[in-house]
C-alpha cells in the first residue's frame, strides 16, 4: 500500500481516504508529502487529532513495525452511527 498527504488530503493507494470525510485538512504532510510505500509488516499511523499529533509523518517515528503494536481495537465510540464492537 501507499500513503500520501497532498494538499491536506490523505490518499491511500492513490485514492482519497474515507477518513477525510468531515475532517479538517491535514496541515503537516511530513514524510508523506511524497507517496510512502508501506511494507506488509509495517503500519503508517496517524493520530486521531492529526493536526496536533506526532505520528508516522515525522521521521523520528516513521513506519511502525507490526511487532511493536501491542493493543487491539475492540470497541468504537465514534462516529456515533458506528458505535459498537469491532470485528
N, C-alpha and C. Protein backbone atom coordinates (compact mmCIF):
# COMPACT_ATOMS: atom_id res chain seq x y z
N UNK A 1 0.84 -1.19 0.00
CA UNK A 1 0.00 0.00 0.00
C UNK A 1 0.88 1.25 0.00
N UNK A 2 0.31 2.35 -0.48
CA UNK A 2 1.00 3.64 -0.41
C UNK A 2 0.12 4.63 0.34
N UNK A 3 0.79 5.55 1.03
CA UNK A 3 0.12 6.61 1.76
C UNK A 3 0.74 7.92 1.32
N UNK A 4 -0.11 8.92 1.06
CA UNK A 4 0.38 10.24 0.69
C UNK A 4 -0.58 11.29 1.22
N UNK A 5 -0.01 12.43 1.62
CA UNK A 5 -0.84 13.56 2.05
C UNK A 5 -0.52 14.70 1.10
N UNK A 6 -1.51 15.06 0.30
CA UNK A 6 -1.33 16.08 -0.73
C UNK A 6 -2.44 17.12 -0.58
N UNK A 7 -2.03 18.38 -0.50
CA UNK A 7 -3.00 19.49 -0.34
C UNK A 7 -3.93 19.26 0.84
N UNK A 8 -3.39 18.69 1.92
CA UNK A 8 -4.15 18.50 3.15
C UNK A 8 -5.07 17.30 3.14
N UNK A 9 -5.00 16.48 2.09
CA UNK A 9 -5.90 15.33 1.95
C UNK A 9 -5.09 14.04 1.99
N UNK A 10 -5.60 13.05 2.72
CA UNK A 10 -4.96 11.75 2.85
C UNK A 10 -5.38 10.85 1.68
N UNK A 11 -4.37 10.30 1.01
CA UNK A 11 -4.60 9.37 -0.10
C UNK A 11 -4.02 8.01 0.29
N UNK A 12 -4.78 6.97 0.06
CA UNK A 12 -4.30 5.61 0.25
C UNK A 12 -4.40 4.91 -1.09
N UNK A 13 -3.27 4.43 -1.57
CA UNK A 13 -3.18 3.80 -2.89
C UNK A 13 -3.73 4.71 -3.98
N UNK A 14 -3.44 6.00 -3.86
CA UNK A 14 -3.82 6.98 -4.88
C UNK A 14 -5.26 7.44 -4.82
N UNK A 15 -6.04 6.91 -3.90
CA UNK A 15 -7.46 7.27 -3.75
C UNK A 15 -7.66 8.08 -2.48
N UNK A 16 -8.56 9.05 -2.52
CA UNK A 16 -8.87 9.83 -1.32
C UNK A 16 -9.45 8.89 -0.26
N UNK A 17 -8.88 8.97 0.95
CA UNK A 17 -9.31 8.10 2.03
C UNK A 17 -10.65 8.53 2.61
N UNK A 18 -11.43 7.56 3.05
CA UNK A 18 -12.70 7.84 3.70
C UNK A 18 -12.52 8.59 5.02
N UNK A 19 -11.31 8.54 5.60
CA UNK A 19 -11.03 9.24 6.85
C UNK A 19 -11.07 10.75 6.70
N UNK A 20 -11.03 11.27 5.46
CA UNK A 20 -11.10 12.71 5.23
C UNK A 20 -12.49 13.28 5.43
N UNK A 21 -13.50 12.45 5.30
CA UNK A 21 -14.89 12.92 5.34
C UNK A 21 -15.20 13.64 6.64
N UNK A 22 -15.60 14.89 6.53
CA UNK A 22 -15.98 15.68 7.68
C UNK A 22 -14.83 16.14 8.55
N UNK A 23 -13.61 15.99 8.08
CA UNK A 23 -12.43 16.34 8.87
C UNK A 23 -11.76 17.57 8.30
N UNK A 24 -10.99 18.24 9.13
CA UNK A 24 -10.20 19.37 8.68
C UNK A 24 -9.06 18.89 7.79
N UNK A 25 -8.50 19.79 7.00
CA UNK A 25 -7.36 19.44 6.16
C UNK A 25 -6.14 19.18 7.04
N UNK A 26 -5.27 18.31 6.58
CA UNK A 26 -4.04 18.00 7.31
C UNK A 26 -3.02 19.08 6.98
N UNK A 27 -2.53 19.77 8.01
CA UNK A 27 -1.62 20.89 7.81
C UNK A 27 -0.20 20.40 7.48
N UNK A 28 0.27 19.40 8.19
CA UNK A 28 1.66 18.94 8.04
C UNK A 28 1.69 17.57 7.37
N UNK A 29 2.30 17.48 6.18
CA UNK A 29 2.40 16.21 5.46
C UNK A 29 3.60 15.38 5.88
N UNK A 30 4.67 16.04 6.30
CA UNK A 30 5.87 15.33 6.72
C UNK A 30 6.41 14.42 5.63
N UNK A 31 6.80 13.20 6.02
CA UNK A 31 7.39 12.28 5.05
C UNK A 31 6.36 11.83 4.00
N UNK A 32 5.07 12.04 4.28
CA UNK A 32 4.02 11.62 3.36
C UNK A 32 3.74 12.67 2.27
N UNK A 33 4.57 13.70 2.22
CA UNK A 33 4.42 14.68 1.13
C UNK A 33 4.58 13.95 -0.21
N UNK A 34 5.50 12.99 -0.24
CA UNK A 34 5.65 12.08 -1.37
C UNK A 34 5.03 10.75 -0.95
N UNK A 35 4.59 9.96 -1.91
CA UNK A 35 3.98 8.67 -1.59
C UNK A 35 4.95 7.79 -0.80
N UNK A 36 4.46 7.23 0.29
CA UNK A 36 5.24 6.34 1.15
C UNK A 36 4.73 4.92 0.92
N UNK A 37 5.61 4.02 0.53
CA UNK A 37 5.23 2.62 0.38
C UNK A 37 5.35 1.94 1.73
N UNK A 38 4.26 1.32 2.17
CA UNK A 38 4.22 0.68 3.49
C UNK A 38 4.38 -0.83 3.31
N UNK A 39 5.49 -1.39 3.81
CA UNK A 39 5.68 -2.84 3.70
C UNK A 39 4.58 -3.60 4.44
N UNK A 40 4.39 -4.84 4.08
CA UNK A 40 3.33 -5.67 4.65
C UNK A 40 3.43 -5.80 6.16
N UNK A 41 4.62 -5.77 6.73
CA UNK A 41 4.79 -5.98 8.17
C UNK A 41 4.89 -4.67 8.95
N UNK A 42 4.44 -3.56 8.35
CA UNK A 42 4.52 -2.24 9.00
C UNK A 42 3.20 -1.50 8.87
N UNK A 43 3.08 -0.43 9.66
CA UNK A 43 1.89 0.42 9.63
C UNK A 43 2.30 1.88 9.57
N UNK A 44 1.54 2.68 8.83
CA UNK A 44 1.66 4.13 8.84
C UNK A 44 0.55 4.59 9.76
N UNK A 45 0.90 5.21 10.89
CA UNK A 45 -0.12 5.60 11.87
C UNK A 45 -0.32 7.11 11.88
N UNK A 46 -1.58 7.52 12.03
CA UNK A 46 -1.95 8.93 12.16
C UNK A 46 -2.74 9.07 13.45
N UNK A 47 -2.40 10.08 14.25
CA UNK A 47 -3.18 10.35 15.45
C UNK A 47 -4.59 10.81 15.08
N UNK A 48 -5.55 10.58 15.96
CA UNK A 48 -6.92 10.97 15.66
C UNK A 48 -7.11 12.49 15.64
N UNK A 49 -6.21 13.22 16.24
CA UNK A 49 -6.22 14.68 16.17
C UNK A 49 -5.03 15.06 15.30
N UNK A 50 -5.13 14.75 14.01
CA UNK A 50 -3.95 14.73 13.14
C UNK A 50 -3.22 16.05 12.97
N UNK A 51 -3.79 17.17 13.34
CA UNK A 51 -3.03 18.42 13.28
C UNK A 51 -2.32 18.73 14.59
N UNK A 52 -2.48 17.86 15.58
CA UNK A 52 -1.79 18.02 16.86
C UNK A 52 -1.21 16.69 17.34
N UNK A 53 -0.83 15.84 16.41
CA UNK A 53 -0.28 14.53 16.77
C UNK A 53 1.10 14.35 16.15
N UNK A 54 1.97 13.70 16.88
CA UNK A 54 3.24 13.26 16.31
C UNK A 54 3.08 11.79 15.97
N UNK A 55 3.20 11.47 14.70
CA UNK A 55 2.88 10.14 14.22
C UNK A 55 3.81 9.78 13.07
N UNK A 56 3.41 8.89 12.21
CA UNK A 56 4.28 8.40 11.14
C UNK A 56 4.73 9.46 10.15
N UNK A 57 4.12 10.62 10.17
CA UNK A 57 4.57 11.70 9.29
C UNK A 57 5.94 12.22 9.69
N UNK A 58 6.31 12.03 10.94
CA UNK A 58 7.59 12.52 11.47
C UNK A 58 8.66 11.46 11.29
N UNK A 59 9.82 11.88 10.77
CA UNK A 59 10.92 10.94 10.52
C UNK A 59 11.34 10.21 11.79
N UNK A 60 11.24 10.86 12.95
CA UNK A 60 11.64 10.23 14.21
C UNK A 60 10.75 9.04 14.55
N UNK A 61 9.52 9.04 14.06
CA UNK A 61 8.57 7.96 14.35
C UNK A 61 8.47 7.03 13.16
N UNK A 62 8.19 7.56 11.98
CA UNK A 62 8.16 6.83 10.73
C UNK A 62 7.18 5.66 10.78
N UNK A 63 7.42 4.64 9.99
CA UNK A 63 6.54 3.47 9.95
C UNK A 63 6.74 2.64 11.20
N UNK A 64 5.66 2.01 11.65
CA UNK A 64 5.70 1.21 12.88
C UNK A 64 5.68 -0.27 12.51
N UNK A 65 6.71 -1.03 12.92
CA UNK A 65 6.69 -2.47 12.67
C UNK A 65 5.53 -3.13 13.42
N UNK A 66 4.88 -4.09 12.79
CA UNK A 66 3.73 -4.77 13.40
C UNK A 66 4.06 -5.35 14.76
N UNK A 67 5.28 -5.82 14.93
CA UNK A 67 5.68 -6.44 16.20
C UNK A 67 5.72 -5.44 17.36
N UNK A 68 5.69 -4.13 17.06
CA UNK A 68 5.71 -3.10 18.11
C UNK A 68 4.30 -2.68 18.53
N UNK A 69 3.29 -3.20 17.87
CA UNK A 69 1.90 -2.84 18.20
C UNK A 69 1.36 -3.89 19.15
N UNK A 70 0.97 -3.44 20.33
CA UNK A 70 0.55 -4.36 21.38
C UNK A 70 -0.94 -4.35 21.64
N UNK A 71 -1.62 -3.26 21.31
CA UNK A 71 -3.04 -3.14 21.63
C UNK A 71 -3.93 -3.75 20.58
N UNK A 72 -5.22 -3.80 20.87
CA UNK A 72 -6.21 -4.30 19.94
C UNK A 72 -7.47 -3.46 20.09
N UNK A 73 -8.02 -3.04 18.96
CA UNK A 73 -9.29 -2.30 18.98
C UNK A 73 -10.42 -3.31 19.12
N UNK A 74 -11.32 -3.06 20.06
CA UNK A 74 -12.44 -3.97 20.21
C UNK A 74 -13.79 -3.26 20.30
N UNK A 75 -13.75 -1.92 20.52
CA UNK A 75 -15.00 -1.17 20.54
C UNK A 75 -14.76 0.21 19.93
N UNK A 76 -15.75 0.70 19.20
CA UNK A 76 -15.67 2.01 18.56
C UNK A 76 -16.72 2.90 19.22
N UNK A 77 -16.31 4.14 19.55
CA UNK A 77 -17.26 5.06 20.18
C UNK A 77 -17.58 6.26 19.30
N UNK A 78 -16.89 6.39 18.18
CA UNK A 78 -17.18 7.49 17.26
C UNK A 78 -16.84 7.03 15.84
N UNK A 79 -17.56 7.47 14.88
CA UNK A 79 -18.75 8.31 14.96
C UNK A 79 -19.92 7.53 15.58
N UNK A 80 -20.83 8.26 16.15
CA UNK A 80 -21.92 7.65 16.90
C UNK A 80 -22.74 6.66 16.07
N UNK A 81 -22.85 6.89 14.76
CA UNK A 81 -23.63 5.98 13.91
C UNK A 81 -22.94 4.62 13.76
N UNK A 82 -21.66 4.52 14.13
CA UNK A 82 -20.92 3.26 14.02
C UNK A 82 -20.50 2.73 15.39
N UNK A 83 -21.11 3.23 16.45
CA UNK A 83 -20.72 2.80 17.80
C UNK A 83 -20.99 1.30 17.97
N UNK A 84 -20.06 0.62 18.63
CA UNK A 84 -20.25 -0.81 18.88
C UNK A 84 -18.95 -1.58 18.81
N UNK A 85 -19.07 -2.90 18.85
CA UNK A 85 -17.90 -3.76 18.82
C UNK A 85 -17.31 -3.83 17.42
N UNK A 86 -15.99 -3.98 17.35
CA UNK A 86 -15.27 -4.08 16.08
C UNK A 86 -14.87 -5.53 15.87
N UNK A 87 -15.12 -6.04 14.68
CA UNK A 87 -14.74 -7.44 14.35
C UNK A 87 -13.25 -7.58 14.23
